[in-house]
């Protein structure tokens, strides 16, 4: 039996510049962090030749080509596993439509578990790159590359997307105090709505050429965000986060809506410095940057919404149980 544990993520600055339609024109950059909410993949050998898959539904099939779960199917093809296996995925939160990168987290976790099942040790870069190949090149999902890399690497990172399709991951070196103070200023609240990100991202992808100037402005916020984080200017981070949100809202028509705008305005009046939707938009989790002395006010103002307590994750995808 093999169990992988792979983190979900929150993205602060630059989201959208990781789409190929952007970085083929201009270098993309984001700052993202993994969080301590995970997707677990459990792999167990079976005595018979069948494939059992347990997620929100159960599949019992005879061959890889029959698998309905596209991420499982393509991950098995990529790693060469054919049969006699049972696969179970478990998530800390309802994963679909959360805006926390769950699709890419599942893909990275599947690849990691399948390789470990076969006794192969692979790099974080390999996991992220192959997850991108599955989601973007094979399944043609209209998504970017940041989620796969942050799920594999963990930590707080500046990720750069180059014109030649290579990706550079620069870990932002923070001490434990910085992790604690930075992370404790971020609150996540659930909008009570999930959404299919593909519709929003498809529109955003189509709009990319005419939105290159907006995306460039978002990318230009990455370096100030990093420097203020390293220099412990925490309140400035909230201001930059909010600037990024104001740019992001213009990338596609359904990124925000009346409910999201109302949540943001309510939190700002209660003491938040900045806010943004997590992920593509339209639903899922809202992120608020709130000084500690204002957090009770914001929680009271948003009491009709469920908060997701979390901490930042340093480690990325890992194998937590290996019994072969």
C-alpha atoms as a PDB file:
ATOM      1  CA  UNK A   1       0.000   0.000   0.000  1.00  0.00           C
ATOM      2  CA  UNK A   2       1.142   3.525  -0.878  1.00  0.00           C
ATOM      3  CA  UNK A   3      -0.345   6.789   0.403  1.00  0.00           C
ATOM      4  CA  UNK A   4       0.576  10.188  -1.047  1.00  0.00           C
ATOM      5  CA  UNK A   5      -0.334  13.483   0.594  1.00  0.00           C
ATOM      6  CA  UNK A   6      -0.432  16.538  -1.685  1.00  0.00           C
ATOM      7  CA  UNK A   7      -1.356  20.108  -0.666  1.00  0.00           C
ATOM      8  CA  UNK A   8      -3.930  22.451  -2.084  1.00  0.00           C
ATOM      9  CA  UNK A   9      -2.819  26.016  -2.751  1.00  0.00           C
ATOM     10  CA  UNK A  10      -3.628  29.704  -2.581  1.00  0.00           C
ATOM     11  CA  UNK A  11      -2.326  32.151  -5.174  1.00  0.00           C
ATOM     12  CA  UNK A  12      -1.496  35.740  -4.266  1.00  0.00           C
ATOM     13  CA  UNK A  13      -0.150  37.635  -7.262  1.00  0.00           C
ATOM     14  CA  UNK A  14       0.088  37.142 -11.025  1.00  0.00           C
ATOM     15  CA  UNK A  15      -2.526  34.459 -11.654  1.00  0.00           C
ATOM     16  CA  UNK A  16      -3.388  34.255 -15.336  1.00  0.00           C
ATOM     17  CA  UNK A  17       0.163  34.915 -16.485  1.00  0.00           C
ATOM     18  CA  UNK A  18       0.758  31.152 -16.232  1.00  0.00           C
ATOM     19  CA  UNK A  19      -1.497  30.528 -19.252  1.00  0.00           C
ATOM     20  CA  UNK A  20       0.423  29.663 -22.408  1.00  0.00           C
ATOM     21  CA  UNK A  21      -1.417  32.356 -24.364  1.00  0.00           C
ATOM     22  CA  UNK A  22       0.281  34.871 -22.073  1.00  0.00           C
ATOM     23  CA  UNK A  23       3.782  33.512 -21.470  1.00  0.00           C
ATOM     24  CA  UNK A  24       4.308  32.886 -25.194  1.00  0.00           C
ATOM     25  CA  UNK A  25       4.141  36.684 -25.536  1.00  0.00           C
ATOM     26  CA  UNK A  26       5.623  37.794 -22.231  1.00  0.00           C
ATOM     27  CA  UNK A  27       7.217  36.060 -19.257  1.00  0.00           C
ATOM     28  CA  UNK A  28       4.689  35.036 -16.629  1.00  0.00           C
ATOM     29  CA  UNK A  29       5.235  35.207 -12.863  1.00  0.00           C
ATOM     30  CA  UNK A  30       3.160  34.308  -9.827  1.00  0.00           C
ATOM     31  CA  UNK A  31       3.593  34.047  -6.095  1.00  0.00           C
ATOM     32  CA  UNK A  32       1.687  31.121  -4.582  1.00  0.00           C
ATOM     33  CA  UNK A  33       1.760  28.999  -1.462  1.00  0.00           C
ATOM     34  CA  UNK A  34       0.695  25.492  -0.577  1.00  0.00           C
ATOM     35  CA  UNK A  35      -1.626  25.182   2.438  1.00  0.00           C
ATOM     36  CA  UNK A  36      -2.167  22.450   4.999  1.00  0.00           C
ATOM     37  CA  UNK A  37      -5.308  21.095   3.340  1.00  0.00           C
ATOM     38  CA  UNK A  38      -4.559  17.956   1.366  1.00  0.00           C
ATOM     39  CA  UNK A  39      -5.693  15.367  -1.109  1.00  0.00           C
ATOM     40  CA  UNK A  40      -4.656  11.813  -0.245  1.00  0.00           C
ATOM     41  CA  UNK A  41      -4.185   9.079  -2.824  1.00  0.00           C
ATOM     42  CA  UNK A  42      -4.211   5.488  -1.568  1.00  0.00           C
ATOM     43  CA  UNK A  43      -2.902   2.737  -3.846  1.00  0.00           C
ATOM     44  CA  UNK A  44      -3.277  -0.950  -3.021  1.00  0.00           C
ATOM     45  CA  UNK A  45      -2.442  -4.055  -4.985  1.00  0.00           C
ATOM     46  CA  UNK A  46      -5.346  -6.388  -5.768  1.00  0.00           C
ATOM     47  CA  UNK A  47      -5.300 -10.166  -6.079  1.00  0.00           C
ATOM     48  CA  UNK A  48      -7.448 -10.122  -9.225  1.00  0.00           C
ATOM     49  CA  UNK A  49      -6.738  -8.293 -12.499  1.00  0.00           C
ATOM     50  CA  UNK A  50      -9.397  -5.607 -12.137  1.00  0.00           C
ATOM     51  CA  UNK A  51      -9.037  -1.881 -11.501  1.00  0.00           C
ATOM     52  CA  UNK A  52     -11.059  -0.430  -8.620  1.00  0.00           C
ATOM     53  CA  UNK A  53     -11.321   3.363  -8.299  1.00  0.00           C
ATOM     54  CA  UNK A  54     -13.025   5.063  -5.346  1.00  0.00           C
ATOM     55  CA  UNK A  55     -13.775   8.792  -5.399  1.00  0.00           C
ATOM     56  CA  UNK A  56     -17.186  10.544  -5.466  1.00  0.00           C
ATOM     57  CA  UNK A  57     -18.274   7.432  -7.359  1.00  0.00           C
ATOM     58  CA  UNK A  58     -16.920   3.901  -7.683  1.00  0.00           C
ATOM     59  CA  UNK A  59     -15.534   2.358 -10.842  1.00  0.00           C
ATOM     60  CA  UNK A  60     -14.774  -1.326 -11.312  1.00  0.00           C
ATOM     61  CA  UNK A  61     -13.237  -1.957 -14.712  1.00  0.00           C
ATOM     62  CA  UNK A  62     -10.981  -4.351 -16.571  1.00  0.00           C
ATOM     63  CA  UNK A  63      -8.676  -2.008 -18.496  1.00  0.00           C
ATOM     64  CA  UNK A  64      -7.173   1.471 -18.277  1.00  0.00           C
ATOM     65  CA  UNK A  65      -8.976   2.607 -21.430  1.00  0.00           C
ATOM     66  CA  UNK A  66     -12.332   2.008 -19.699  1.00  0.00           C
ATOM     67  CA  UNK A  67     -11.620   4.434 -16.823  1.00  0.00           C
ATOM     68  CA  UNK A  68     -14.009   7.414 -16.667  1.00  0.00           C
ATOM     69  CA  UNK A  69     -11.909   9.467 -14.225  1.00  0.00           C
ATOM     70  CA  UNK A  70      -9.685  11.206 -16.753  1.00  0.00           C
ATOM     71  CA  UNK A  71      -6.909  12.154 -14.310  1.00  0.00           C
ATOM     72  CA  UNK A  72      -6.610   8.574 -13.023  1.00  0.00           C
ATOM     73  CA  UNK A  73      -6.713   7.156 -16.538  1.00  0.00           C
ATOM     74  CA  UNK A  74      -3.981   9.432 -17.919  1.00  0.00           C
ATOM     75  CA  UNK A  75      -1.806   9.126 -14.810  1.00  0.00           C
ATOM     76  CA  UNK A  76      -1.893   5.332 -15.134  1.00  0.00           C
ATOM     77  CA  UNK A  77      -0.991   5.593 -18.803  1.00  0.00           C
ATOM     78  CA  UNK A  78       1.846   8.002 -18.009  1.00  0.00           C
ATOM     79  CA  UNK A  79       3.326   5.742 -15.332  1.00  0.00           C
ATOM     80  CA  UNK A  80       2.664   2.433 -17.111  1.00  0.00           C
ATOM     81  CA  UNK A  81       0.361   0.800 -14.545  1.00  0.00           C
ATOM     82  CA  UNK A  82      -2.167  -1.473 -16.239  1.00  0.00           C
ATOM     83  CA  UNK A  83      -4.251  -3.535 -13.776  1.00  0.00           C
ATOM     84  CA  UNK A  84      -4.546  -5.378 -10.424  1.00  0.00           C
ATOM     85  CA  UNK A  85      -4.843  -2.177  -8.434  1.00  0.00           C
ATOM     86  CA  UNK A  86      -7.266  -0.277  -6.208  1.00  0.00           C
ATOM     87  CA  UNK A  87      -7.108   3.514  -6.083  1.00  0.00           C
ATOM     88  CA  UNK A  88      -8.836   5.748  -3.548  1.00  0.00           C
ATOM     89  CA  UNK A  89      -8.755   9.559  -3.365  1.00  0.00           C
ATOM     90  CA  UNK A  90      -9.755  11.483  -0.244  1.00  0.00           C
ATOM     91  CA  UNK A  91      -9.851  15.276   0.228  1.00  0.00           C
ATOM     92  CA  UNK A  92      -9.832  17.506   3.297  1.00  0.00           C
ATOM     93  CA  UNK A  93     -12.437  19.749   1.680  1.00  0.00           C
ATOM     94  CA  UNK A  94     -14.983  19.353  -1.138  1.00  0.00           C
ATOM     95  CA  UNK A  95     -12.463  19.681  -3.918  1.00  0.00           C
ATOM     96  CA  UNK A  96     -14.334  20.351  -7.152  1.00  0.00           C
ATOM     97  CA  UNK A  97     -14.847  24.056  -7.783  1.00  0.00           C
ATOM     98  CA  UNK A  98     -13.068  25.192  -4.618  1.00  0.00           C
ATOM     99  CA  UNK A  99     -10.561  27.439  -6.387  1.00  0.00           C
ATOM    100  CA  UNK A 100      -7.724  25.847  -4.420  1.00  0.00           C
ATOM    101  CA  UNK A 101      -6.133  23.953  -7.305  1.00  0.00           C
ATOM    102  CA  UNK A 102      -7.675  20.573  -6.519  1.00  0.00           C
ATOM    103  CA  UNK A 103      -7.505  19.139 -10.047  1.00  0.00           C
ATOM    104  CA  UNK A 104      -3.757  19.651 -10.257  1.00  0.00           C
ATOM    105  CA  UNK A 105      -3.278  18.465  -6.672  1.00  0.00           C
ATOM    106  CA  UNK A 106      -5.045  15.202  -7.542  1.00  0.00           C
ATOM    107  CA  UNK A 107      -2.896  14.757 -10.648  1.00  0.00           C
ATOM    108  CA  UNK A 108       0.387  15.364  -8.825  1.00  0.00           C
ATOM    109  CA  UNK A 109      -0.709  13.071  -5.987  1.00  0.00           C
ATOM    110  CA  UNK A 110      -1.697  10.289  -8.398  1.00  0.00           C
ATOM    111  CA  UNK A 111       1.612  10.448 -10.260  1.00  0.00           C
ATOM    112  CA  UNK A 112       3.578  10.480  -6.997  1.00  0.00           C
ATOM    113  CA  UNK A 113       1.691   7.480  -5.627  1.00  0.00           C
ATOM    114  CA  UNK A 114       1.921   5.483  -8.878  1.00  0.00           C
ATOM    115  CA  UNK A 115       5.660   6.033  -9.188  1.00  0.00           C
ATOM    116  CA  UNK A 116       6.217   5.101  -5.530  1.00  0.00           C
ATOM    117  CA  UNK A 117       4.065   1.978  -6.039  1.00  0.00           C
ATOM    118  CA  UNK A 118       6.568   0.884  -8.682  1.00  0.00           C
ATOM    119  CA  UNK A 119       9.547   1.751  -6.502  1.00  0.00           C
ATOM    120  CA  UNK A 120      10.551   4.795  -8.570  1.00  0.00           C
ATOM    121  CA  UNK A 121      11.793   8.037  -6.997  1.00  0.00           C
ATOM    122  CA  UNK A 122      11.011  11.067  -9.146  1.00  0.00           C
ATOM    123  CA  UNK A 123      11.777  14.763  -8.683  1.00  0.00           C
ATOM    124  CA  UNK A 124       9.251  17.429  -7.786  1.00  0.00           C
ATOM    125  CA  UNK A 125       9.938  19.051 -11.144  1.00  0.00           C
ATOM    126  CA  UNK A 126       9.091  15.781 -12.914  1.00  0.00           C
ATOM    127  CA  UNK A 127       5.802  15.448 -11.016  1.00  0.00           C
ATOM    128  CA  UNK A 128       4.798  19.025 -11.856  1.00  0.00           C
ATOM    129  CA  UNK A 129       5.861  18.817 -15.513  1.00  0.00           C
ATOM    130  CA  UNK A 130       4.064  15.519 -16.119  1.00  0.00           C
ATOM    131  CA  UNK A 131       0.931  16.784 -14.346  1.00  0.00           C
ATOM    132  CA  UNK A 132       0.968  19.761 -16.753  1.00  0.00           C
ATOM    133  CA  UNK A 133       1.354  17.393 -19.695  1.00  0.00           C
ATOM    134  CA  UNK A 134      -1.680  15.387 -18.550  1.00  0.00           C
ATOM    135  CA  UNK A 135      -3.976  18.311 -17.824  1.00  0.00           C
ATOM    136  CA  UNK A 136      -2.947  20.781 -20.534  1.00  0.00           C
ATOM    137  CA  UNK A 137      -1.454  18.776 -23.414  1.00  0.00           C
ATOM    138  CA  UNK A 138      -3.449  15.523 -23.215  1.00  0.00           C
ATOM    139  CA  UNK A 139      -6.785  16.540 -21.667  1.00  0.00           C
ATOM    140  CA  UNK A 140      -6.696  20.043 -23.208  1.00  0.00           C
ATOM    141  CA  UNK A 141      -7.913  21.788 -20.062  1.00  0.00           C
ATOM    142  CA  UNK A 142      -7.807  25.614 -20.441  1.00  0.00           C
ATOM    143  CA  UNK A 143      -5.625  26.043 -17.352  1.00  0.00           C
ATOM    144  CA  UNK A 144      -2.186  27.345 -16.465  1.00  0.00           C
ATOM    145  CA  UNK A 145       0.852  25.740 -14.864  1.00  0.00           C
ATOM    146  CA  UNK A 146       1.136  27.251 -11.404  1.00  0.00           C
ATOM    147  CA  UNK A 147      -1.129  24.779  -9.574  1.00  0.00           C
ATOM    148  CA  UNK A 148       0.875  21.709 -10.572  1.00  0.00           C
ATOM    149  CA  UNK A 149       4.170  23.261  -9.502  1.00  0.00           C
ATOM    150  CA  UNK A 150       3.002  24.570  -6.144  1.00  0.00           C
ATOM    151  CA  UNK A 151       1.346  21.208  -5.344  1.00  0.00           C
ATOM    152  CA  UNK A 152       4.600  19.378  -6.101  1.00  0.00           C
ATOM    153  CA  UNK A 153       7.043  21.811  -4.465  1.00  0.00           C
ATOM    154  CA  UNK A 154       5.080  23.244  -1.528  1.00  0.00           C
ATOM    155  CA  UNK A 155       6.205  26.327   0.375  1.00  0.00           C
ATOM    156  CA  UNK A 156       5.859  29.960  -0.696  1.00  0.00           C
ATOM    157  CA  UNK A 157       7.316  30.330  -4.160  1.00  0.00           C
ATOM    158  CA  UNK A 158       7.861  32.741  -6.985  1.00  0.00           C
ATOM    159  CA  UNK A 159       7.199  30.717 -10.126  1.00  0.00           C
ATOM    160  CA  UNK A 160       8.311  31.997 -13.536  1.00  0.00           C
ATOM    161  CA  UNK A 161       6.859  30.746 -16.832  1.00  0.00           C
ATOM    162  CA  UNK A 162       9.249  31.179 -19.739  1.00  0.00           C
ATOM    163  CA  UNK A 163       8.560  31.533 -23.458  1.00  0.00           C
ATOM    164  CA  UNK A 164      10.366  28.244 -24.147  1.00  0.00           C
ATOM    165  CA  UNK A 165       7.801  26.435 -21.907  1.00  0.00           C
ATOM    166  CA  UNK A 166      10.293  25.901 -19.069  1.00  0.00           C
ATOM    167  CA  UNK A 167       9.300  26.794 -15.523  1.00  0.00           C
ATOM    168  CA  UNK A 168      11.565  28.188 -12.788  1.00  0.00           C
ATOM    169  CA  UNK A 169      10.597  27.727  -9.139  1.00  0.00           C
ATOM    170  CA  UNK A 170      12.259  30.071  -6.639  1.00  0.00           C
ATOM    171  CA  UNK A 171      11.502  29.309  -3.024  1.00  0.00           C
ATOM    172  CA  UNK A 172      11.000  32.477  -0.996  1.00  0.00           C
ATOM    173  CA  UNK A 173      13.087  31.783   2.074  1.00  0.00           C
ATOM    174  CA  UNK A 174      11.052  32.635   5.162  1.00  0.00           C
ATOM    175  CA  UNK A 175      11.823  31.850   8.771  1.00  0.00           C
ATOM    176  CA  UNK A 176       9.196  30.209  10.969  1.00  0.00           C
ATOM    177  CA  UNK A 177       8.162  33.604  12.378  1.00  0.00           C
ATOM    178  CA  UNK A 178       7.560  34.995   8.873  1.00  0.00           C
ATOM    179  CA  UNK A 179       5.544  31.930   7.886  1.00  0.00           C
ATOM    180  CA  UNK A 180       3.447  32.325  11.011  1.00  0.00           C
ATOM    181  CA  UNK A 181       2.879  36.083  10.785  1.00  0.00           C
ATOM    182  CA  UNK A 182       2.239  36.116   7.053  1.00  0.00           C
ATOM    183  CA  UNK A 183      -0.060  33.105   7.113  1.00  0.00           C
ATOM    184  CA  UNK A 184      -1.988  34.292  10.154  1.00  0.00           C
ATOM    185  CA  UNK A 185      -3.003  37.491   8.324  1.00  0.00           C
ATOM    186  CA  UNK A 186      -4.843  35.522   5.621  1.00  0.00           C
ATOM    187  CA  UNK A 187      -8.429  34.365   6.108  1.00  0.00           C
ATOM    188  CA  UNK A 188     -10.362  32.069   3.757  1.00  0.00           C
ATOM    189  CA  UNK A 189     -14.156  32.068   3.618  1.00  0.00           C
ATOM    190  CA  UNK A 190     -16.299  29.749   1.512  1.00  0.00           C
ATOM    191  CA  UNK A 191     -18.746  31.485  -0.839  1.00  0.00           C
ATOM    192  CA  UNK A 192     -21.105  28.476  -0.608  1.00  0.00           C
ATOM    193  CA  UNK A 193     -20.857  28.193  -4.378  1.00  0.00           C
ATOM    194  CA  UNK A 194     -18.757  25.893  -6.488  1.00  0.00           C
ATOM    195  CA  UNK A 195     -18.214  26.410 -10.177  1.00  0.00           C
ATOM    196  CA  UNK A 196     -16.604  24.780 -13.177  1.00  0.00           C
ATOM    197  CA  UNK A 197     -13.439  26.788 -13.755  1.00  0.00           C
ATOM    198  CA  UNK A 198     -13.238  25.742 -17.416  1.00  0.00           C
ATOM    199  CA  UNK A 199     -15.905  28.195 -18.581  1.00  0.00           C
ATOM    200  CA  UNK A 200     -14.228  31.187 -16.922  1.00  0.00           C
ATOM    201  CA  UNK A 201     -10.730  30.114 -17.959  1.00  0.00           C
ATOM    202  CA  UNK A 202     -11.835  29.502 -21.551  1.00  0.00           C
ATOM    203  CA  UNK A 203     -13.098  33.082 -21.760  1.00  0.00           C
ATOM    204  CA  UNK A 204      -9.960  34.364 -20.033  1.00  0.00           C
ATOM    205  CA  UNK A 205      -7.824  32.400 -22.475  1.00  0.00           C
ATOM    206  CA  UNK A 206      -9.679  33.964 -25.433  1.00  0.00           C
ATOM    207  CA  UNK A 207      -9.241  37.440 -23.912  1.00  0.00           C
ATOM    208  CA  UNK A 208      -5.526  37.061 -23.213  1.00  0.00           C
ATOM    209  CA  UNK A 209      -4.164  38.929 -26.239  1.00  0.00           C
ATOM    210  CA  UNK A 210      -6.309  41.979 -25.564  1.00  0.00           C
ATOM    211  CA  UNK A 211      -5.527  41.793 -21.834  1.00  0.00           C
ATOM    212  CA  UNK A 212      -1.718  41.561 -22.123  1.00  0.00           C
ATOM    213  CA  UNK A 213      -1.290  45.048 -20.622  1.00  0.00           C
ATOM    214  CA  UNK A 214      -3.409  44.104 -17.601  1.00  0.00           C
ATOM    215  CA  UNK A 215      -1.487  40.862 -17.107  1.00  0.00           C
ATOM    216  CA  UNK A 216       1.793  42.756 -17.371  1.00  0.00           C
ATOM    217  CA  UNK A 217       0.646  45.044 -14.548  1.00  0.00           C
ATOM    218  CA  UNK A 218      -0.196  41.967 -12.451  1.00  0.00           C
ATOM    219  CA  UNK A 219       3.234  40.442 -13.135  1.00  0.00           C
ATOM    220  CA  UNK A 220       4.839  43.755 -12.097  1.00  0.00           C
ATOM    221  CA  UNK A 221       3.306  43.310  -8.626  1.00  0.00           C
ATOM    222  CA  UNK A 222       5.261  40.080  -8.031  1.00  0.00           C
ATOM    223  CA  UNK A 223       8.616  41.644  -7.136  1.00  0.00           C
ATOM    224  CA  UNK A 224       7.154  44.270  -4.743  1.00  0.00           C
ATOM    225  CA  UNK A 225       5.087  41.534  -3.073  1.00  0.00           C
ATOM    226  CA  UNK A 226       8.176  39.365  -2.591  1.00  0.00           C
ATOM    227  CA  UNK A 227      10.324  42.202  -1.254  1.00  0.00           C
ATOM    228  CA  UNK A 228       7.678  43.410   1.188  1.00  0.00           C
ATOM    229  CA  UNK A 229       7.200  39.836   2.387  1.00  0.00           C
ATOM    230  CA  UNK A 230      10.939  39.401   2.964  1.00  0.00           C
ATOM    231  CA  UNK A 231      11.115  42.816   4.679  1.00  0.00           C
ATOM    232  CA  UNK A 232       8.149  41.969   6.928  1.00  0.00           C
ATOM    233  CA  UNK A 233       5.998  44.846   5.624  1.00  0.00           C
ATOM    234  CA  UNK A 234       2.926  42.704   6.071  1.00  0.00           C
ATOM    235  CA  UNK A 235       0.181  45.327   5.674  1.00  0.00           C
ATOM    236  CA  UNK A 236       1.641  46.358   2.310  1.00  0.00           C
ATOM    237  CA  UNK A 237       0.994  42.799   1.113  1.00  0.00           C
ATOM    238  CA  UNK A 238      -2.737  43.314   1.566  1.00  0.00           C
ATOM    239  CA  UNK A 239      -2.626  46.459  -0.567  1.00  0.00           C
ATOM    240  CA  UNK A 240      -0.775  44.634  -3.351  1.00  0.00           C
ATOM    241  CA  UNK A 241      -3.187  41.710  -3.127  1.00  0.00           C
ATOM    242  CA  UNK A 242      -6.087  44.111  -3.621  1.00  0.00           C
ATOM    243  CA  UNK A 243      -4.416  45.788  -6.593  1.00  0.00           C
ATOM    244  CA  UNK A 244      -4.007  42.346  -8.147  1.00  0.00           C
ATOM    245  CA  UNK A 245      -7.716  41.610  -7.543  1.00  0.00           C
ATOM    246  CA  UNK A 246      -8.803  44.819  -9.257  1.00  0.00           C
ATOM    247  CA  UNK A 247      -6.746  43.820 -12.303  1.00  0.00           C
ATOM    248  CA  UNK A 248      -7.922  40.194 -12.212  1.00  0.00           C
ATOM    249  CA  UNK A 249     -11.615  41.125 -12.266  1.00  0.00           C
ATOM    250  CA  UNK A 250     -11.205  42.579 -15.752  1.00  0.00           C
ATOM    251  CA  UNK A 251      -9.825  39.370 -17.314  1.00  0.00           C
ATOM    252  CA  UNK A 252     -13.182  37.595 -17.756  1.00  0.00           C
ATOM    253  CA  UNK A 253     -16.839  38.461 -17.180  1.00  0.00           C
ATOM    254  CA  UNK A 254     -17.667  35.811 -14.568  1.00  0.00           C
ATOM    255  CA  UNK A 255     -14.606  36.096 -12.309  1.00  0.00           C
ATOM    256  CA  UNK A 256     -16.682  38.143  -9.882  1.00  0.00           C
ATOM    257  CA  UNK A 257     -20.391  38.600  -9.218  1.00  0.00           C
ATOM    258  CA  UNK A 258     -22.667  40.483  -6.850  1.00  0.00           C
ATOM    259  CA  UNK A 259     -22.140  38.098  -3.957  1.00  0.00           C
ATOM    260  CA  UNK A 260     -18.355  38.122  -4.267  1.00  0.00           C
ATOM    261  CA  UNK A 261     -18.267  41.926  -4.548  1.00  0.00           C
ATOM    262  CA  UNK A 262     -20.506  42.197  -1.500  1.00  0.00           C
ATOM    263  CA  UNK A 263     -18.293  39.854   0.544  1.00  0.00           C
ATOM    264  CA  UNK A 264     -15.254  41.890  -0.416  1.00  0.00           C
ATOM    265  CA  UNK A 265     -16.818  45.255   0.448  1.00  0.00           C
ATOM    266  CA  UNK A 266     -18.167  43.902   3.744  1.00  0.00           C
ATOM    267  CA  UNK A 267     -14.723  42.628   4.751  1.00  0.00           C
ATOM    268  CA  UNK A 268     -12.977  45.866   3.721  1.00  0.00           C
ATOM    269  CA  UNK A 269     -15.392  47.931   5.824  1.00  0.00           C
ATOM    270  CA  UNK A 270     -14.703  45.602   8.777  1.00  0.00           C
ATOM    271  CA  UNK A 271     -10.926  46.063   8.550  1.00  0.00           C
ATOM    272  CA  UNK A 272      -9.536  43.853   5.762  1.00  0.00           C
ATOM    273  CA  UNK A 273      -6.774  45.483   3.697  1.00  0.00           C
ATOM    274  CA  UNK A 274      -7.215  43.373   0.595  1.00  0.00           C
ATOM    275  CA  UNK A 275      -9.189  40.514  -0.889  1.00  0.00           C
ATOM    276  CA  UNK A 276      -9.395  38.299  -3.965  1.00  0.00           C
ATOM    277  CA  UNK A 277     -11.148  35.176  -5.120  1.00  0.00           C
ATOM    278  CA  UNK A 278      -9.023  32.039  -5.008  1.00  0.00           C
ATOM    279  CA  UNK A 279      -8.592  30.353  -8.364  1.00  0.00           C
ATOM    280  CA  UNK A 280     -10.477  31.147 -11.567  1.00  0.00           C
ATOM    281  CA  UNK A 281     -13.328  32.964  -9.827  1.00  0.00           C
ATOM    282  CA  UNK A 282     -17.108  32.785  -9.738  1.00  0.00           C
ATOM    283  CA  UNK A 283     -17.212  30.857  -6.456  1.00  0.00           C
ATOM    284  CA  UNK A 284     -15.127  28.686  -4.180  1.00  0.00           C
ATOM    285  CA  UNK A 285     -13.076  30.445  -1.507  1.00  0.00           C
ATOM    286  CA  UNK A 286     -12.515  34.151  -0.955  1.00  0.00           C
ATOM    287  CA  UNK A 287      -9.169  35.200   0.470  1.00  0.00           C
ATOM    288  CA  UNK A 288      -8.917  38.232   2.781  1.00  0.00           C
ATOM    289  CA  UNK A 289      -5.765  39.906   4.054  1.00  0.00           C
ATOM    290  CA  UNK A 290      -6.604  41.116   7.557  1.00  0.00           C
ATOM    291  CA  UNK A 291      -4.361  42.445  10.376  1.00  0.00           C
ATOM    292  CA  UNK A 292      -4.718  40.376  13.527  1.00  0.00           C
ATOM    293  CA  UNK A 293      -6.417  43.173  15.490  1.00  0.00           C
ATOM    294  CA  UNK A 294      -9.196  43.410  12.864  1.00  0.00           C
ATOM    295  CA  UNK A 295      -9.875  39.727  12.353  1.00  0.00           C
ATOM    296  CA  UNK A 296     -12.664  39.388  14.920  1.00  0.00           C
ATOM    297  CA  UNK A 297     -14.477  42.284  13.204  1.00  0.00           C
ATOM    298  CA  UNK A 298     -14.151  40.604   9.801  1.00  0.00           C
ATOM    299  CA  UNK A 299     -15.275  37.235  11.146  1.00  0.00           C
ATOM    300  CA  UNK A 300     -18.354  38.872  12.665  1.00  0.00           C
ATOM    301  CA  UNK A 301     -19.108  40.718   9.430  1.00  0.00           C
ATOM    302  CA  UNK A 302     -18.829  37.463   7.437  1.00  0.00           C
ATOM    303  CA  UNK A 303     -20.541  35.243  10.015  1.00  0.00           C
ATOM    304  CA  UNK A 304     -22.970  33.910   7.387  1.00  0.00           C
ATOM    305  CA  UNK A 305     -20.046  32.273   5.585  1.00  0.00           C
ATOM    306  CA  UNK A 306     -17.947  29.322   6.701  1.00  0.00           C
ATOM    307  CA  UNK A 307     -14.279  30.047   7.438  1.00  0.00           C
ATOM    308  CA  UNK A 308     -11.569  27.545   6.501  1.00  0.00           C
ATOM    309  CA  UNK A 309      -8.804  27.672   9.139  1.00  0.00           C
ATOM    310  CA  UNK A 310      -5.441  26.790   7.610  1.00  0.00           C
ATOM    311  CA  UNK A 311      -1.688  27.210   7.804  1.00  0.00           C
ATOM    312  CA  UNK A 312       0.902  27.462   5.060  1.00  0.00           C
ATOM    313  CA  UNK A 313       2.522  24.173   3.960  1.00  0.00           C
ATOM    314  CA  UNK A 314       6.296  24.011   3.434  1.00  0.00           C
ATOM    315  CA  UNK A 315       6.775  20.563   1.957  1.00  0.00           C
ATOM    316  CA  UNK A 316       4.694  19.840  -1.139  1.00  0.00           C
ATOM    317  CA  UNK A 317       3.638  16.384  -2.304  1.00  0.00           C
ATOM    318  CA  UNK A 318       5.068  13.539  -0.237  1.00  0.00           C
ATOM    319  CA  UNK A 319       4.671   9.824   0.366  1.00  0.00           C
ATOM    320  CA  UNK A 320       3.487   9.314   3.941  1.00  0.00           C
ATOM    321  CA  UNK A 321       3.053   5.537   3.863  1.00  0.00           C
ATOM    322  CA  UNK A 322       5.003   2.994   1.825  1.00  0.00           C
ATOM    323  CA  UNK A 323       4.459  -0.709   2.442  1.00  0.00           C
ATOM    324  CA  UNK A 324       5.382  -2.869  -0.543  1.00  0.00           C
END
